[in-house]
Amino acid sequence: MEHLELFFKSIFIDNMVFATFLGMCSYLAVSKKVSTAVGLGAAVIFVLAVTVPINWLLDQYILRDGALAWIDGSSNGEGYSGYDLSFLSFILFIATIATMVQLVEIVVEKFSPSLYNSLGIFLPLIAVNCAILGGSLFMQSRDIQTLGLATTYGIGSGIGWFLAILAIAAIREKIRYSNVPAPLRGLGITFIITGLMAIGFMSFGGMLTGGEEEEEETAVAIKTPAQEEINETATTVVSTTNEKEN
């Protein structure tokens, strides 16, 4: 259930484009044709699905404070457990992302030259796409606990970005035949549509809150009888003490 909740939350509620507006440069530049948008979206899904869990491992076993304790089994700041390499997070995360992007570029160039030519410079620029780095940094800041959850988050974030660029590409292909006012043609109408789509995605914000409210109500219902028992016990103890004193 936790994996499913994180998966849908990363797609709809914490969407990389519509919630945090990351990866907008590629989103706007490569969304003129659906076929190109699908290719770039698939590449982003792959890169996020691979780099987020790899960067989770780096964060857990190398970067965070005390993460190197597994080398010598030390603790309490002694030996390797006293090292804090978190200042290297950006460097190692970007190096991991650049490696995966290079692999994707080689594969796309080999098996789909037409897609490689249509993506152009934006394929290698995935390495500096803030949505890719943002996925790893959000994973780190939200303290995702397991490798499986990190993988789920990476895949969900990639699918969310894929849906965003696919939707805007489909709209832009259709709007090409519409009578758009001259000042709004091109990026103008694209920004307006993106804003409206972001407002639409905000409606998913309450999708996963019902269960939390029920849990809170259950917790209150459980705590109330316990508090009453404590009050009754305290009253009994005070009465017994007063009787003994008398």
C-alpha atoms as a PDB file:
ATOM      1  CA  MET A   1       0.000   0.000   0.000  1.00  0.00           C
ATOM      2  CA  GLU A   2       2.880   2.353   0.801  1.00  0.00           C
ATOM      3  CA  HIS A   3       4.427   1.756  -2.639  1.00  0.00           C
ATOM      4  CA  LEU A   4       1.097   2.355  -4.387  1.00  0.00           C
ATOM      5  CA  GLU A   5       0.447   5.556  -2.468  1.00  0.00           C
ATOM      6  CA  LEU A   6       3.933   6.917  -3.194  1.00  0.00           C
ATOM      7  CA  PHE A   7       3.597   5.933  -6.861  1.00  0.00           C
ATOM      8  CA  PHE A   8       0.347   7.828  -7.457  1.00  0.00           C
ATOM      9  CA  LYS A   9       1.432  10.729  -5.281  1.00  0.00           C
ATOM     10  CA  SER A  10       4.623  11.239  -7.297  1.00  0.00           C
ATOM     11  CA  ILE A  11       2.634  11.153 -10.562  1.00  0.00           C
ATOM     12  CA  PHE A  12      -0.348  13.365  -9.764  1.00  0.00           C
ATOM     13  CA  ILE A  13       0.180  15.302  -6.532  1.00  0.00           C
ATOM     14  CA  ASP A  14       3.944  15.977  -6.621  1.00  0.00           C
ATOM     15  CA  ASN A  15       4.173  16.105 -10.410  1.00  0.00           C
ATOM     16  CA  MET A  16       7.606  17.379 -11.466  1.00  0.00           C
ATOM     17  CA  VAL A  17       6.178  19.833 -13.998  1.00  0.00           C
ATOM     18  CA  PHE A  18       2.832  20.932 -12.578  1.00  0.00           C
ATOM     19  CA  ALA A  19       3.712  20.956  -8.854  1.00  0.00           C
ATOM     20  CA  THR A  20       7.364  22.017  -8.776  1.00  0.00           C
ATOM     21  CA  PHE A  21       7.843  23.302 -12.387  1.00  0.00           C
ATOM     22  CA  LEU A  22      11.098  21.374 -12.858  1.00  0.00           C
ATOM     23  CA  GLY A  23      12.370  20.383 -16.286  1.00  0.00           C
ATOM     24  CA  MET A  24      10.507  23.210 -18.020  1.00  0.00           C
ATOM     25  CA  CYS A  25      13.186  23.879 -20.639  1.00  0.00           C
ATOM     26  CA  SER A  26      12.882  20.438 -22.249  1.00  0.00           C
ATOM     27  CA  TYR A  27       9.138  20.411 -21.554  1.00  0.00           C
ATOM     28  CA  LEU A  28       8.634  23.544 -23.664  1.00  0.00           C
ATOM     29  CA  ALA A  29      11.235  22.901 -26.358  1.00  0.00           C
ATOM     30  CA  VAL A  30      10.509  19.248 -27.222  1.00  0.00           C
ATOM     31  CA  SER A  31       6.712  19.304 -26.946  1.00  0.00           C
ATOM     32  CA  LYS A  32       5.895  20.421 -30.486  1.00  0.00           C
ATOM     33  CA  LYS A  33       5.347  16.841 -31.719  1.00  0.00           C
ATOM     34  CA  VAL A  34       3.879  13.888 -29.828  1.00  0.00           C
ATOM     35  CA  SER A  35       6.389  11.405 -31.271  1.00  0.00           C
ATOM     36  CA  THR A  36       9.343  13.460 -30.041  1.00  0.00           C
ATOM     37  CA  ALA A  37       7.707  14.025 -26.662  1.00  0.00           C
ATOM     38  CA  VAL A  38       7.142  10.271 -26.230  1.00  0.00           C
ATOM     39  CA  GLY A  39      10.801   9.531 -26.968  1.00  0.00           C
ATOM     40  CA  LEU A  40      12.132  12.115 -24.521  1.00  0.00           C
ATOM     41  CA  GLY A  41       9.552  11.134 -21.902  1.00  0.00           C
ATOM     42  CA  ALA A  42      10.588   7.492 -22.112  1.00  0.00           C
ATOM     43  CA  ALA A  43      14.242   8.503 -21.729  1.00  0.00           C
ATOM     44  CA  VAL A  44      13.390  10.576 -18.638  1.00  0.00           C
ATOM     45  CA  ILE A  45      11.469   7.650 -17.095  1.00  0.00           C
ATOM     46  CA  PHE A  46      14.446   5.342 -17.618  1.00  0.00           C
ATOM     47  CA  VAL A  47      16.976   7.825 -16.222  1.00  0.00           C
ATOM     48  CA  LEU A  48      14.876   8.602 -13.142  1.00  0.00           C
ATOM     49  CA  ALA A  49      14.064   4.920 -12.548  1.00  0.00           C
ATOM     50  CA  VAL A  50      17.779   4.078 -12.509  1.00  0.00           C
ATOM     51  CA  THR A  51      19.403   7.153 -10.943  1.00  0.00           C
ATOM     52  CA  VAL A  52      17.054   7.643  -7.963  1.00  0.00           C
ATOM     53  CA  PRO A  53      17.686   4.164  -6.443  1.00  0.00           C
ATOM     54  CA  ILE A  54      21.418   4.367  -7.234  1.00  0.00           C
ATOM     55  CA  ASN A  55      21.622   7.777  -5.563  1.00  0.00           C
ATOM     56  CA  TRP A  56      19.629   6.370  -2.622  1.00  0.00           C
ATOM     57  CA  LEU A  57      22.340   3.746  -2.150  1.00  0.00           C
ATOM     58  CA  LEU A  58      25.030   6.419  -2.369  1.00  0.00           C
ATOM     59  CA  ASP A  59      23.202   8.537   0.191  1.00  0.00           C
ATOM     60  CA  GLN A  60      22.601   5.660   2.614  1.00  0.00           C
ATOM     61  CA  TYR A  61      26.024   4.011   2.494  1.00  0.00           C
ATOM     62  CA  ILE A  62      28.455   6.807   1.576  1.00  0.00           C
ATOM     63  CA  LEU A  63      27.170  10.370   1.865  1.00  0.00           C
ATOM     64  CA  ARG A  64      25.109  10.927   4.999  1.00  0.00           C
ATOM     65  CA  ASP A  65      26.598  11.432   8.442  1.00  0.00           C
ATOM     66  CA  GLY A  66      27.797   8.092   9.835  1.00  0.00           C
ATOM     67  CA  ALA A  67      26.990   6.214   6.614  1.00  0.00           C
ATOM     68  CA  LEU A  68      30.522   4.776   6.391  1.00  0.00           C
ATOM     69  CA  ALA A  69      30.146   2.902   9.677  1.00  0.00           C
ATOM     70  CA  TRP A  70      29.633  -0.330   7.700  1.00  0.00           C
ATOM     71  CA  ILE A  71      33.321  -0.287   6.711  1.00  0.00           C
ATOM     72  CA  ASP A  72      34.724  -0.942  10.185  1.00  0.00           C
ATOM     73  CA  GLY A  73      31.550  -1.426  12.256  1.00  0.00           C
ATOM     74  CA  SER A  74      32.298   1.619  14.384  1.00  0.00           C
ATOM     75  CA  SER A  75      29.721   3.832  16.083  1.00  0.00           C
ATOM     76  CA  ASN A  76      29.353   6.967  18.226  1.00  0.00           C
ATOM     77  CA  GLY A  77      31.527   9.021  15.908  1.00  0.00           C
ATOM     78  CA  GLU A  78      34.521   6.710  16.139  1.00  0.00           C
ATOM     79  CA  GLY A  79      36.431   5.496  13.081  1.00  0.00           C
ATOM     80  CA  TYR A  80      34.608   5.819   9.777  1.00  0.00           C
ATOM     81  CA  SER A  81      31.270   6.555  11.496  1.00  0.00           C
ATOM     82  CA  GLY A  82      32.539  10.054  12.223  1.00  0.00           C
ATOM     83  CA  TYR A  83      32.760  10.999   8.547  1.00  0.00           C
ATOM     84  CA  ASP A  84      30.076  13.158   6.933  1.00  0.00           C
ATOM     85  CA  LEU A  85      30.352  13.321   3.129  1.00  0.00           C
ATOM     86  CA  SER A  86      26.979  14.954   2.495  1.00  0.00           C
ATOM     87  CA  PHE A  87      28.757  17.930   0.892  1.00  0.00           C
ATOM     88  CA  LEU A  88      29.537  15.610  -2.044  1.00  0.00           C
ATOM     89  CA  SER A  89      25.847  14.903  -2.757  1.00  0.00           C
ATOM     90  CA  PHE A  90      25.517  17.200  -5.770  1.00  0.00           C
ATOM     91  CA  ILE A  91      28.750  15.978  -7.369  1.00  0.00           C
ATOM     92  CA  LEU A  92      27.967  12.263  -7.027  1.00  0.00           C
ATOM     93  CA  PHE A  93      24.303  12.645  -7.972  1.00  0.00           C
ATOM     94  CA  ILE A  94      25.165  14.572 -11.142  1.00  0.00           C
ATOM     95  CA  ALA A  95      27.918  12.075 -12.030  1.00  0.00           C
ATOM     96  CA  THR A  96      25.422   9.200 -11.736  1.00  0.00           C
ATOM     97  CA  ILE A  97      22.863  11.065 -13.852  1.00  0.00           C
ATOM     98  CA  ALA A  98      25.431  11.962 -16.530  1.00  0.00           C
ATOM     99  CA  THR A  99      26.516   8.314 -16.776  1.00  0.00           C
ATOM    100  CA  MET A 100      22.955   7.082 -17.283  1.00  0.00           C
ATOM    101  CA  VAL A 101      22.186   9.822 -19.810  1.00  0.00           C
ATOM    102  CA  GLN A 102      25.272   8.881 -21.803  1.00  0.00           C
ATOM    103  CA  LEU A 103      24.065   5.276 -21.849  1.00  0.00           C
ATOM    104  CA  VAL A 104      20.605   6.361 -23.050  1.00  0.00           C
ATOM    105  CA  GLU A 105      22.159   8.542 -25.755  1.00  0.00           C
ATOM    106  CA  ILE A 106      24.250   5.643 -27.067  1.00  0.00           C
ATOM    107  CA  VAL A 107      21.247   3.285 -27.146  1.00  0.00           C
ATOM    108  CA  VAL A 108      18.919   5.811 -28.863  1.00  0.00           C
ATOM    109  CA  GLU A 109      21.541   6.721 -31.462  1.00  0.00           C
ATOM    110  CA  LYS A 110      22.116   3.029 -32.211  1.00  0.00           C
ATOM    111  CA  PHE A 111      18.509   1.821 -32.451  1.00  0.00           C
ATOM    112  CA  SER A 112      16.536   4.958 -33.427  1.00  0.00           C
ATOM    113  CA  PRO A 113      18.594   7.483 -35.413  1.00  0.00           C
ATOM    114  CA  SER A 114      15.480   9.430 -36.436  1.00  0.00           C
ATOM    115  CA  LEU A 115      14.466   9.968 -32.787  1.00  0.00           C
ATOM    116  CA  TYR A 116      18.066  10.836 -31.936  1.00  0.00           C
ATOM    117  CA  ASN A 117      18.115  13.518 -34.650  1.00  0.00           C
ATOM    118  CA  SER A 118      14.704  14.921 -33.654  1.00  0.00           C
ATOM    119  CA  LEU A 119      15.700  15.207 -29.975  1.00  0.00           C
ATOM    120  CA  GLY A 120      18.936  16.900 -30.960  1.00  0.00           C
ATOM    121  CA  ILE A 121      20.784  18.683 -28.182  1.00  0.00           C
ATOM    122  CA  PHE A 122      18.001  18.040 -25.652  1.00  0.00           C
ATOM    123  CA  LEU A 123      18.889  14.362 -25.253  1.00  0.00           C
ATOM    124  CA  PRO A 124      22.360  14.961 -23.753  1.00  0.00           C
ATOM    125  CA  LEU A 125      20.885  17.926 -21.873  1.00  0.00           C
ATOM    126  CA  ILE A 126      18.852  15.461 -19.790  1.00  0.00           C
ATOM    127  CA  ALA A 127      22.046  15.285 -17.711  1.00  0.00           C
ATOM    128  CA  VAL A 128      21.418  18.857 -16.541  1.00  0.00           C
ATOM    129  CA  ASN A 129      17.620  18.592 -16.528  1.00  0.00           C
ATOM    130  CA  CYS A 130      16.605  19.898 -13.104  1.00  0.00           C
ATOM    131  CA  ALA A 131      13.748  17.369 -12.942  1.00  0.00           C
ATOM    132  CA  ILE A 132      16.274  14.504 -12.969  1.00  0.00           C
ATOM    133  CA  LEU A 133      18.432  16.014 -10.232  1.00  0.00           C
ATOM    134  CA  GLY A 134      15.291  17.127  -8.390  1.00  0.00           C
ATOM    135  CA  GLY A 135      14.104  13.516  -8.181  1.00  0.00           C
ATOM    136  CA  SER A 136      17.257  12.491  -6.312  1.00  0.00           C
ATOM    137  CA  LEU A 137      17.258  15.575  -4.092  1.00  0.00           C
ATOM    138  CA  PHE A 138      13.569  15.121  -3.193  1.00  0.00           C
ATOM    139  CA  MET A 139      14.310  11.470  -2.405  1.00  0.00           C
ATOM    140  CA  GLN A 140      17.084  12.589  -0.073  1.00  0.00           C
ATOM    141  CA  SER A 141      15.155  15.415   1.616  1.00  0.00           C
ATOM    142  CA  ARG A 142      12.027  13.303   2.156  1.00  0.00           C
ATOM    143  CA  ASP A 143      14.161  10.569   3.749  1.00  0.00           C
ATOM    144  CA  ILE A 144      12.706   7.682   1.751  1.00  0.00           C
ATOM    145  CA  GLN A 145      13.410   4.596   3.837  1.00  0.00           C
ATOM    146  CA  THR A 146      13.966   1.678   1.464  1.00  0.00           C
ATOM    147  CA  LEU A 147      15.488   0.980  -1.942  1.00  0.00           C
ATOM    148  CA  GLY A 148      12.120  -0.294  -3.190  1.00  0.00           C
ATOM    149  CA  LEU A 149      10.385   2.954  -2.247  1.00  0.00           C
ATOM    150  CA  ALA A 150      13.172   4.945  -3.919  1.00  0.00           C
ATOM    151  CA  THR A 151      12.684   2.935  -7.114  1.00  0.00           C
ATOM    152  CA  THR A 152       8.918   3.455  -6.933  1.00  0.00           C
ATOM    153  CA  TYR A 153       9.420   7.181  -6.454  1.00  0.00           C
ATOM    154  CA  GLY A 154      11.832   7.402  -9.401  1.00  0.00           C
ATOM    155  CA  ILE A 155       9.483   5.550 -11.754  1.00  0.00           C
ATOM    156  CA  GLY A 156       6.446   7.535 -10.593  1.00  0.00           C
ATOM    157  CA  SER A 157       8.240  10.868 -10.995  1.00  0.00           C
ATOM    158  CA  GLY A 158       9.353   9.882 -14.496  1.00  0.00           C
ATOM    159  CA  ILE A 159       5.842   8.847 -15.498  1.00  0.00           C
ATOM    160  CA  GLY A 160       4.497  12.123 -14.122  1.00  0.00           C
ATOM    161  CA  TRP A 161       6.927  14.110 -16.272  1.00  0.00           C
ATOM    162  CA  PHE A 162       6.117  11.877 -19.249  1.00  0.00           C
ATOM    163  CA  LEU A 163       2.362  12.503 -18.882  1.00  0.00           C
ATOM    164  CA  ALA A 164       2.955  16.242 -18.636  1.00  0.00           C
ATOM    165  CA  ILE A 165       5.031  16.542 -21.830  1.00  0.00           C
ATOM    166  CA  LEU A 166       2.761  14.092 -23.681  1.00  0.00           C
ATOM    167  CA  ALA A 167      -0.345  16.096 -22.769  1.00  0.00           C
ATOM    168  CA  ILE A 168       1.112  19.452 -23.777  1.00  0.00           C
ATOM    169  CA  ALA A 169       2.501  17.985 -27.028  1.00  0.00           C
ATOM    170  CA  ALA A 170      -0.922  16.612 -27.992  1.00  0.00           C
ATOM    171  CA  ILE A 171      -2.558  19.967 -27.223  1.00  0.00           C
ATOM    172  CA  ARG A 172       0.073  21.913 -29.167  1.00  0.00           C
ATOM    173  CA  GLU A 173      -0.413  19.695 -32.221  1.00  0.00           C
ATOM    174  CA  LYS A 174      -4.161  20.391 -32.163  1.00  0.00           C
ATOM    175  CA  ILE A 175      -3.875  24.077 -31.307  1.00  0.00           C
ATOM    176  CA  ARG A 176      -1.738  24.592 -34.392  1.00  0.00           C
ATOM    177  CA  TYR A 177      -4.974  24.599 -36.384  1.00  0.00           C
ATOM    178  CA  SER A 178      -6.770  26.951 -33.990  1.00  0.00           C
ATOM    179  CA  ASN A 179      -7.182  30.691 -34.336  1.00  0.00           C
ATOM    180  CA  VAL A 180      -4.868  31.788 -31.499  1.00  0.00           C
ATOM    181  CA  PRO A 181      -4.379  35.577 -31.103  1.00  0.00           C
ATOM    182  CA  ALA A 182      -1.068  36.634 -32.633  1.00  0.00           C
ATOM    183  CA  PRO A 183       0.551  37.873 -29.362  1.00  0.00           C
ATOM    184  CA  LEU A 184      -0.127  34.510 -27.690  1.00  0.00           C
ATOM    185  CA  ARG A 185       1.096  32.200 -30.430  1.00  0.00           C
ATOM    186  CA  GLY A 186       3.980  29.903 -29.532  1.00  0.00           C
ATOM    187  CA  LEU A 187       5.185  29.962 -25.933  1.00  0.00           C
ATOM    188  CA  GLY A 188       2.507  32.419 -24.795  1.00  0.00           C
ATOM    189  CA  ILE A 189      -0.443  30.066 -25.218  1.00  0.00           C
ATOM    190  CA  THR A 190       1.750  27.145 -24.060  1.00  0.00           C
ATOM    191  CA  PHE A 191       2.400  28.857 -20.721  1.00  0.00           C
ATOM    192  CA  ILE A 192      -1.299  29.577 -20.286  1.00  0.00           C
ATOM    193  CA  ILE A 193      -2.238  25.957 -21.022  1.00  0.00           C
ATOM    194  CA  THR A 194       0.480  24.716 -18.662  1.00  0.00           C
ATOM    195  CA  GLY A 195      -0.876  26.925 -15.882  1.00  0.00           C
ATOM    196  CA  LEU A 196      -4.421  25.636 -16.434  1.00  0.00           C
ATOM    197  CA  MET A 197      -3.180  22.044 -16.424  1.00  0.00           C
ATOM    198  CA  ALA A 198      -1.278  22.717 -13.187  1.00  0.00           C
ATOM    199  CA  ILE A 199      -4.494  24.011 -11.605  1.00  0.00           C
ATOM    200  CA  GLY A 200      -6.231  20.848 -12.783  1.00  0.00           C
ATOM    201  CA  PHE A 201      -3.540  18.650 -11.217  1.00  0.00           C
ATOM    202  CA  MET A 202      -3.980  20.519  -7.932  1.00  0.00           C
ATOM    203  CA  SER A 203      -7.363  18.820  -7.629  1.00  0.00           C
ATOM    204  CA  PHE A 204      -5.511  15.541  -7.001  1.00  0.00           C
ATOM    205  CA  GLY A 205      -4.153  17.039  -3.773  1.00  0.00           C
ATOM    206  CA  GLY A 206      -6.983  15.585  -1.694  1.00  0.00           C
ATOM    207  CA  MET A 207      -6.874  12.181  -3.375  1.00  0.00           C
ATOM    208  CA  LEU A 208      -4.808  10.481  -0.652  1.00  0.00           C
ATOM    209  CA  THR A 209      -5.884  12.436   2.445  1.00  0.00           C
ATOM    210  CA  GLY A 210      -9.027  10.518   3.379  1.00  0.00           C
ATOM    211  CA  GLY A 211      -7.156   7.626   4.939  1.00  0.00           C
ATOM    212  CA  GLU A 212      -5.000   9.963   7.017  1.00  0.00           C
ATOM    213  CA  GLU A 213      -8.078  11.656   8.475  1.00  0.00           C
ATOM    214  CA  GLU A 214      -9.585   8.274   9.351  1.00  0.00           C
ATOM    215  CA  GLU A 215      -6.338   7.233  11.035  1.00  0.00           C
ATOM    216  CA  GLU A 216      -6.295  10.449  13.066  1.00  0.00           C
ATOM    217  CA  GLU A 217      -9.909   9.918  14.141  1.00  0.00           C
ATOM    218  CA  THR A 218      -9.106   6.322  15.124  1.00  0.00           C
ATOM    219  CA  ALA A 219      -6.083   7.477  17.090  1.00  0.00           C
ATOM    220  CA  VAL A 220      -8.210  10.029  18.953  1.00  0.00           C
ATOM    221  CA  ALA A 221     -10.848   7.388  19.622  1.00  0.00           C
ATOM    222  CA  ILE A 222      -8.182   5.069  21.023  1.00  0.00           C
ATOM    223  CA  LYS A 223      -6.554   7.743  23.156  1.00  0.00           C
ATOM    224  CA  THR A 224      -9.795   8.991  24.732  1.00  0.00           C
ATOM    225  CA  PRO A 225     -10.723   5.819  26.722  1.00  0.00           C
ATOM    226  CA  ALA A 226      -7.122   5.459  27.827  1.00  0.00           C
ATOM    227  CA  GLN A 227      -7.122   9.031  29.138  1.00  0.00           C
ATOM    228  CA  GLU A 228     -10.376   8.387  31.001  1.00  0.00           C
ATOM    229  CA  GLU A 229      -8.877   5.288  32.655  1.00  0.00           C
ATOM    230  CA  ILE A 230      -5.830   7.312  33.722  1.00  0.00           C
ATOM    231  CA  ASN A 231      -8.055  10.010  35.225  1.00  0.00           C
ATOM    232  CA  GLU A 232     -10.136   7.437  37.092  1.00  0.00           C
ATOM    233  CA  THR A 233      -7.005   5.735  38.446  1.00  0.00           C
ATOM    234  CA  ALA A 234      -5.563   9.074  39.566  1.00  0.00           C
ATOM    235  CA  THR A 235      -8.822   9.969  41.322  1.00  0.00           C
ATOM    236  CA  THR A 236      -8.882   6.591  43.090  1.00  0.00           C
ATOM    237  CA  VAL A 237      -5.274   6.980  44.269  1.00  0.00           C
ATOM    238  CA  VAL A 238      -5.939  10.485  45.608  1.00  0.00           C
ATOM    239  CA  SER A 239      -9.092   9.313  47.438  1.00  0.00           C
ATOM    240  CA  THR A 240      -7.234   6.343  48.984  1.00  0.00           C
ATOM    241  CA  THR A 241      -4.410   8.620  50.127  1.00  0.00           C
ATOM    242  CA  ASN A 242      -6.838  11.070  51.736  1.00  0.00           C
ATOM    243  CA  GLU A 243      -8.607   8.224  53.570  1.00  0.00           C
ATOM    244  CA  LYS A 244      -5.327   6.906  54.951  1.00  0.00           C
ATOM    245  CA  GLU A 245      -4.317  10.362  56.156  1.00  0.00           C
ATOM    246  CA  ASN A 246      -7.680  10.807  57.895  1.00  0.00           C
END
